[in-house]
Amino acid sequence: MEDISVGFIGGGRVTGIILAGWKRGGQMPGRVVVSETDPAALAVLKERFPEIEAAGDDPTVPASADIVVLALHPPAIGAVLQAITPALRGGAMLVSLAPKWRIGAIAAVLGAARPVVRMIPNAPSVVGMGYNPFACSPGLRPEECERFVRLFAPLGETVETDEEKLEAYALLTAMGPTYFWFQWYELLDLADSFGLSPEEARTGLFAMVAGALRTMTDAGLSPAQVMDLVPVHPIAGGEEEIRRLYRENLRDLYQKLAG
């Protein structure tokens, strides 16, 4: 990785995911500084990644980096932006990982023209298989966009999109794994009880999921035709309840994020 400094304000899950993706890909930036209000969380992160610099709970320390990443929940963004604005160096790029806070609102708090990027990170970035949509502030120079893409490329796909679509991606790609992981782990447990070894079960599950998704996209069949390829549907009785949970919970959450 090029000799670049990256400052994280917030040392929680998403910071750990990004650092793990960089480290796995052998692309850790030259200098990484992290601030976090929870000392225990920061200590855990420092233990996992000894190469990072721990800045305690002072956000102005990572704010002096070349690229400053806001890894915070939306309610904390406003106060932190006000606190770090004097510490931001000229030309530094601000990357926000939070939903709700639009680029225009961030720029208004900063009070000056500055490159701002919003990205919705995806948990599989931890193994370099993420799908991380991003949107840039108007007027971002091509070389600035290229630098951002190079930095996050080890995490997987980094795809530019319209800012208005980021909240939809938050529900589809960022939260998407949570809709399925518990089911897949349940399948692995059941496969074990049926006599498959852990390796056999994992291999079979991976192939099944990849093949099922490829069938949806490449078979040239309608949704009804795809779902009719297998004649037996063991959990058909619960399918409508699952659909109801998707529609009610995700629509409500989208309205809150996009509101």
Foldseek 3Di string as FASTA:
>chain_A
DPAFEEEEEAQDDVVLLQQLLCVLLVRDHNAYEYEHADVVSLVVSCVVPVRYHYPYHQRQVRQQTQEYEYPDEVVPPLVSLLRNLVSHDPAREYEYQYFQQDPVNSCVSSVDDYKYKYKPWANQLSNQDIAIEMEIDPPDDPVNVVVVCVNRNSSHHYHYDDSLCRLVCCLCGRCVVVLPPVVLVVQLVVVVVVPDDSVRSVVVSVVVVVVLVCCVVPVPDDPVVSVPPDPDDPVVVCVVVSVVCCVVVVVVVSVVRSD
